[in-house]
């Protein structure tokens, strides 16, 4: 649920009204490590989050979306993280409710 909520949040910034395809725009994040690590979330701040979801017309590439996806997941949903070795716990009602609540706060 958290991933779907993140995609929903980003859909506002990535709809055609606010984005134009621009491969060059993705160069700044192309060499970023894509694997999610909760420890990287400690570096995500509100300014990064606001920039990721801002609704302004600018060039974007799929790599920007991935980077912004990680930023939103870290900033908005980190408290809802499930243990990697017990990923099935993510479907438990209390974990889904955590994601719902964080999305509602958006």
N, C-alpha and C. Protein backbone atom coordinates (compact mmCIF):
# COMPACT_ATOMS: atom_id res chain seq x y z
N UNK A 1 0.82 -1.20 0.00
CA UNK A 1 0.00 0.00 0.00
C UNK A 1 0.86 1.26 0.00
N UNK A 2 1.98 1.25 0.71
CA UNK A 2 2.84 2.43 0.74
C UNK A 2 3.39 2.77 -0.64
N UNK A 3 3.76 1.74 -1.39
CA UNK A 3 4.28 1.98 -2.75
C UNK A 3 3.20 2.58 -3.64
N UNK A 4 1.98 2.07 -3.53
CA UNK A 4 0.89 2.64 -4.34
C UNK A 4 0.60 4.07 -3.92
N UNK A 5 0.65 4.33 -2.63
CA UNK A 5 0.41 5.69 -2.15
C UNK A 5 1.51 6.63 -2.64
N UNK A 6 2.75 6.16 -2.66
CA UNK A 6 3.86 6.96 -3.17
C UNK A 6 3.67 7.28 -4.64
N UNK A 7 3.29 6.27 -5.42
CA UNK A 7 3.04 6.50 -6.85
C UNK A 7 1.90 7.49 -7.04
N UNK A 8 0.89 7.42 -6.21
CA UNK A 8 -0.23 8.35 -6.30
C UNK A 8 0.21 9.78 -5.99
N UNK A 9 1.02 9.94 -4.96
CA UNK A 9 1.53 11.27 -4.61
C UNK A 9 2.35 11.85 -5.77
N UNK A 10 3.22 11.03 -6.33
CA UNK A 10 4.08 11.50 -7.42
C UNK A 10 3.32 11.73 -8.71
N UNK A 11 2.18 11.09 -8.87
CA UNK A 11 1.41 11.27 -10.11
C UNK A 11 0.97 12.72 -10.28
N UNK A 12 0.86 13.44 -9.19
CA UNK A 12 0.50 14.85 -9.29
C UNK A 12 1.63 15.66 -9.93
N UNK A 13 2.86 15.36 -9.56
CA UNK A 13 4.01 16.10 -10.10
C UNK A 13 4.42 15.59 -11.48
N UNK A 14 4.08 14.33 -11.78
CA UNK A 14 4.52 13.74 -13.05
C UNK A 14 3.41 13.67 -14.09
N UNK A 15 2.30 14.31 -13.85
CA UNK A 15 1.27 14.31 -14.90
C UNK A 15 1.73 15.21 -16.04
N UNK A 16 1.18 15.04 -17.22
CA UNK A 16 1.68 15.79 -18.40
C UNK A 16 1.65 17.32 -18.25
N UNK A 17 0.81 17.82 -17.38
CA UNK A 17 0.75 19.27 -17.18
C UNK A 17 2.03 19.81 -16.55
N UNK A 18 2.72 18.97 -15.76
CA UNK A 18 3.90 19.42 -15.04
C UNK A 18 5.20 18.73 -15.45
N UNK A 19 5.17 17.91 -16.48
CA UNK A 19 6.41 17.25 -16.86
C UNK A 19 6.50 17.13 -18.38
N UNK A 20 7.72 17.20 -18.84
CA UNK A 20 7.99 16.94 -20.24
C UNK A 20 9.15 15.94 -20.28
N UNK A 21 9.09 15.02 -21.22
CA UNK A 21 10.14 14.01 -21.32
C UNK A 21 11.46 14.70 -21.64
N UNK A 22 12.46 14.38 -20.80
CA UNK A 22 13.78 14.98 -20.98
C UNK A 22 14.82 14.04 -20.39
N UNK A 23 15.41 13.23 -21.24
CA UNK A 23 16.42 12.27 -20.79
C UNK A 23 17.56 12.99 -20.07
N UNK A 24 17.93 14.14 -20.57
CA UNK A 24 19.02 14.91 -19.95
C UNK A 24 18.74 15.27 -18.50
N UNK A 25 17.48 15.46 -18.16
CA UNK A 25 17.12 15.81 -16.78
C UNK A 25 17.46 14.69 -15.81
N UNK A 26 17.51 13.47 -16.31
CA UNK A 26 17.81 12.33 -15.45
C UNK A 26 19.28 12.11 -15.20
N UNK A 27 20.13 12.84 -15.90
CA UNK A 27 21.57 12.63 -15.75
C UNK A 27 22.07 12.86 -14.33
N UNK A 28 21.47 13.79 -13.63
CA UNK A 28 21.95 14.11 -12.28
C UNK A 28 21.75 12.96 -11.30
N UNK A 29 20.82 12.07 -11.57
CA UNK A 29 20.57 10.94 -10.67
C UNK A 29 20.85 9.59 -11.31
N UNK A 30 21.30 9.59 -12.55
CA UNK A 30 21.50 8.33 -13.28
C UNK A 30 22.46 7.39 -12.56
N UNK A 31 23.52 7.89 -11.99
CA UNK A 31 24.52 7.05 -11.34
C UNK A 31 24.23 6.79 -9.87
N UNK A 32 23.07 7.18 -9.41
CA UNK A 32 22.66 6.93 -8.03
C UNK A 32 22.45 5.44 -7.82
N UNK A 33 22.75 4.96 -6.64
CA UNK A 33 22.45 3.56 -6.33
C UNK A 33 20.94 3.45 -6.13
N UNK A 34 20.33 2.50 -6.83
CA UNK A 34 18.87 2.40 -6.82
C UNK A 34 18.34 1.52 -5.70
N UNK A 35 19.16 0.69 -5.14
CA UNK A 35 18.69 -0.22 -4.09
C UNK A 35 18.22 0.59 -2.88
N UNK A 36 17.06 0.24 -2.38
CA UNK A 36 16.52 0.93 -1.21
C UNK A 36 17.22 0.46 0.05
N UNK A 37 17.68 1.38 0.85
CA UNK A 37 18.26 1.08 2.15
C UNK A 37 17.69 2.07 3.15
N UNK A 38 17.07 1.58 4.21
CA UNK A 38 16.51 2.50 5.21
C UNK A 38 17.53 3.49 5.76
N UNK A 39 18.81 3.10 5.84
CA UNK A 39 19.83 4.02 6.36
C UNK A 39 19.97 5.26 5.49
N UNK A 40 19.71 5.14 4.19
CA UNK A 40 19.78 6.31 3.30
C UNK A 40 18.65 7.29 3.60
N UNK A 41 17.59 6.79 4.18
CA UNK A 41 16.45 7.65 4.48
C UNK A 41 16.79 8.72 5.51
N UNK A 42 17.77 8.46 6.33
CA UNK A 42 18.15 9.43 7.36
C UNK A 42 18.64 10.73 6.76
N UNK A 43 19.07 10.69 5.49
CA UNK A 43 19.58 11.89 4.81
C UNK A 43 18.49 12.67 4.09
N UNK A 44 17.29 12.11 4.01
CA UNK A 44 16.19 12.76 3.30
C UNK A 44 15.57 13.81 4.22
N UNK A 45 15.45 15.03 3.70
CA UNK A 45 14.85 16.09 4.52
C UNK A 45 13.61 16.66 3.82
N UNK A 46 12.96 17.57 4.50
CA UNK A 46 11.72 18.14 3.98
C UNK A 46 11.93 18.88 2.67
N UNK A 47 13.05 19.56 2.52
CA UNK A 47 13.31 20.27 1.26
C UNK A 47 13.38 19.31 0.08
N UNK A 48 14.05 18.18 0.25
CA UNK A 48 14.10 17.18 -0.82
C UNK A 48 12.70 16.66 -1.13
N UNK A 49 11.94 16.41 -0.08
CA UNK A 49 10.57 15.91 -0.26
C UNK A 49 9.72 16.92 -1.02
N UNK A 50 9.76 18.16 -0.61
CA UNK A 50 8.97 19.21 -1.28
C UNK A 50 9.39 19.35 -2.74
N UNK A 51 10.69 19.27 -3.01
CA UNK A 51 11.17 19.38 -4.39
C UNK A 51 10.68 18.19 -5.23
N UNK A 52 10.64 17.00 -4.63
CA UNK A 52 10.20 15.80 -5.35
C UNK A 52 8.74 15.89 -5.76
N UNK A 53 7.92 16.52 -4.93
CA UNK A 53 6.48 16.54 -5.21
C UNK A 53 5.99 17.87 -5.79
N UNK A 54 6.89 18.81 -6.01
CA UNK A 54 6.45 20.11 -6.51
C UNK A 54 5.82 20.00 -7.90
N UNK A 55 4.81 20.77 -8.09
CA UNK A 55 4.06 20.75 -9.34
C UNK A 55 4.43 21.96 -10.18
N UNK A 56 5.60 21.86 -10.80
CA UNK A 56 6.08 22.90 -11.71
C UNK A 56 6.49 22.24 -13.01
N UNK A 57 6.25 22.93 -14.09
CA UNK A 57 6.58 22.39 -15.42
C UNK A 57 8.09 22.33 -15.58
N UNK A 58 8.62 21.11 -15.78
CA UNK A 58 10.05 20.96 -16.04
C UNK A 58 10.30 19.59 -16.66
N UNK A 59 11.47 19.46 -17.25
CA UNK A 59 11.86 18.20 -17.86
C UNK A 59 12.14 17.14 -16.82
N UNK A 60 11.68 15.92 -17.09
CA UNK A 60 11.88 14.81 -16.17
C UNK A 60 12.11 13.54 -16.97
N UNK A 61 12.83 12.61 -16.36
CA UNK A 61 13.08 11.31 -16.96
C UNK A 61 12.68 10.23 -15.96
N UNK A 62 12.62 9.00 -16.41
CA UNK A 62 12.22 7.90 -15.53
C UNK A 62 13.16 7.79 -14.33
N UNK A 63 14.43 8.12 -14.50
CA UNK A 63 15.37 8.06 -13.39
C UNK A 63 15.02 9.07 -12.31
N UNK A 64 14.50 10.22 -12.71
CA UNK A 64 14.05 11.20 -11.72
C UNK A 64 12.90 10.63 -10.91
N UNK A 65 11.98 9.93 -11.60
CA UNK A 65 10.84 9.34 -10.90
C UNK A 65 11.31 8.34 -9.85
N UNK A 66 12.29 7.51 -10.20
CA UNK A 66 12.79 6.52 -9.24
C UNK A 66 13.42 7.22 -8.04
N UNK A 67 14.20 8.23 -8.29
CA UNK A 67 14.83 8.98 -7.19
C UNK A 67 13.76 9.65 -6.32
N UNK A 68 12.77 10.26 -6.94
CA UNK A 68 11.70 10.91 -6.19
C UNK A 68 10.85 9.89 -5.44
N UNK A 69 10.67 8.71 -6.02
CA UNK A 69 9.94 7.63 -5.36
C UNK A 69 10.63 7.28 -4.04
N UNK A 70 11.94 7.12 -4.09
CA UNK A 70 12.69 6.80 -2.86
C UNK A 70 12.57 7.93 -1.84
N UNK A 71 12.64 9.16 -2.30
CA UNK A 71 12.54 10.30 -1.38
C UNK A 71 11.18 10.30 -0.69
N UNK A 72 10.11 10.12 -1.45
CA UNK A 72 8.76 10.13 -0.86
C UNK A 72 8.59 8.95 0.09
N UNK A 73 9.06 7.77 -0.32
CA UNK A 73 8.96 6.60 0.56
C UNK A 73 9.68 6.86 1.88
N UNK A 74 10.87 7.43 1.80
CA UNK A 74 11.65 7.70 3.01
C UNK A 74 10.98 8.75 3.89
N UNK A 75 10.57 9.84 3.29
CA UNK A 75 10.05 10.96 4.07
C UNK A 75 8.66 10.67 4.65
N UNK A 76 7.80 10.09 3.86
CA UNK A 76 6.41 9.93 4.26
C UNK A 76 6.12 8.56 4.89
N UNK A 77 6.83 7.51 4.48
CA UNK A 77 6.43 6.15 4.87
C UNK A 77 7.50 5.34 5.60
N UNK A 78 8.62 5.91 5.96
CA UNK A 78 9.68 5.14 6.61
C UNK A 78 9.19 4.44 7.88
N UNK A 79 8.34 5.10 8.62
CA UNK A 79 7.84 4.51 9.88
C UNK A 79 7.01 3.26 9.64
N UNK A 80 6.59 3.05 8.41
CA UNK A 80 5.75 1.89 8.06
C UNK A 80 6.56 0.72 7.50
N UNK A 81 7.88 0.82 7.51
CA UNK A 81 8.73 -0.20 6.91
C UNK A 81 8.55 -1.55 7.59
N UNK A 82 8.48 -2.59 6.77
CA UNK A 82 8.38 -3.97 7.26
C UNK A 82 9.77 -4.59 7.27
N UNK A 83 10.00 -5.56 8.17
CA UNK A 83 11.31 -6.22 8.19
C UNK A 83 11.57 -6.94 6.86
N UNK A 84 12.76 -6.76 6.31
CA UNK A 84 13.10 -7.37 5.01
C UNK A 84 13.00 -8.89 5.05
N UNK A 85 13.31 -9.47 6.19
CA UNK A 85 13.27 -10.94 6.29
C UNK A 85 11.86 -11.48 6.55
N UNK A 86 10.90 -10.57 6.79
CA UNK A 86 9.51 -10.98 7.01
C UNK A 86 8.58 -10.05 6.22
N UNK A 87 8.82 -9.95 4.94
CA UNK A 87 8.11 -9.01 4.07
C UNK A 87 6.61 -9.29 4.06
N UNK A 88 6.21 -10.51 4.34
CA UNK A 88 4.77 -10.84 4.34
C UNK A 88 4.01 -10.06 5.41
N UNK A 89 4.72 -9.55 6.41
CA UNK A 89 4.07 -8.75 7.45
C UNK A 89 3.51 -7.43 6.91
N UNK A 90 3.97 -7.03 5.74
CA UNK A 90 3.49 -5.78 5.16
C UNK A 90 1.99 -5.81 4.88
N UNK A 91 1.45 -6.99 4.70
CA UNK A 91 0.01 -7.09 4.40
C UNK A 91 -0.85 -7.18 5.65
N UNK A 92 -0.23 -7.14 6.81
CA UNK A 92 -1.01 -7.14 8.06
C UNK A 92 -1.74 -5.81 8.18
N UNK A 93 -2.91 -5.87 8.76
CA UNK A 93 -3.80 -4.70 8.82
C UNK A 93 -3.12 -3.47 9.45
N UNK A 94 -2.36 -3.67 10.53
CA UNK A 94 -1.74 -2.51 11.19
C UNK A 94 -0.68 -1.86 10.31
N UNK A 95 0.00 -2.64 9.47
CA UNK A 95 0.99 -2.06 8.56
C UNK A 95 0.31 -1.32 7.42
N UNK A 96 -0.76 -1.89 6.91
CA UNK A 96 -1.52 -1.21 5.86
C UNK A 96 -2.11 0.09 6.41
N UNK A 97 -2.60 0.05 7.64
CA UNK A 97 -3.15 1.26 8.27
C UNK A 97 -2.10 2.34 8.44
N UNK A 98 -0.86 1.92 8.72
CA UNK A 98 0.23 2.89 8.83
C UNK A 98 0.39 3.64 7.51
N UNK A 99 0.39 2.91 6.41
CA UNK A 99 0.53 3.53 5.09
C UNK A 99 -0.66 4.41 4.77
N UNK A 100 -1.84 3.94 5.09
CA UNK A 100 -3.05 4.74 4.86
C UNK A 100 -2.99 6.05 5.63
N UNK A 101 -2.57 5.96 6.88
CA UNK A 101 -2.49 7.16 7.71
C UNK A 101 -1.48 8.16 7.18
N UNK A 102 -0.32 7.65 6.77
CA UNK A 102 0.71 8.55 6.23
C UNK A 102 0.26 9.18 4.92
N UNK A 103 -0.49 8.42 4.13
CA UNK A 103 -1.03 8.98 2.87
C UNK A 103 -2.10 10.02 3.17
N UNK A 104 -2.94 9.75 4.16
CA UNK A 104 -3.98 10.71 4.54
C UNK A 104 -3.38 12.02 5.02
N UNK A 105 -2.21 11.95 5.66
CA UNK A 105 -1.53 13.16 6.13
C UNK A 105 -0.99 14.00 4.98
N UNK A 106 -0.85 13.38 3.81
CA UNK A 106 -0.35 14.09 2.63
C UNK A 106 -1.33 15.17 2.25
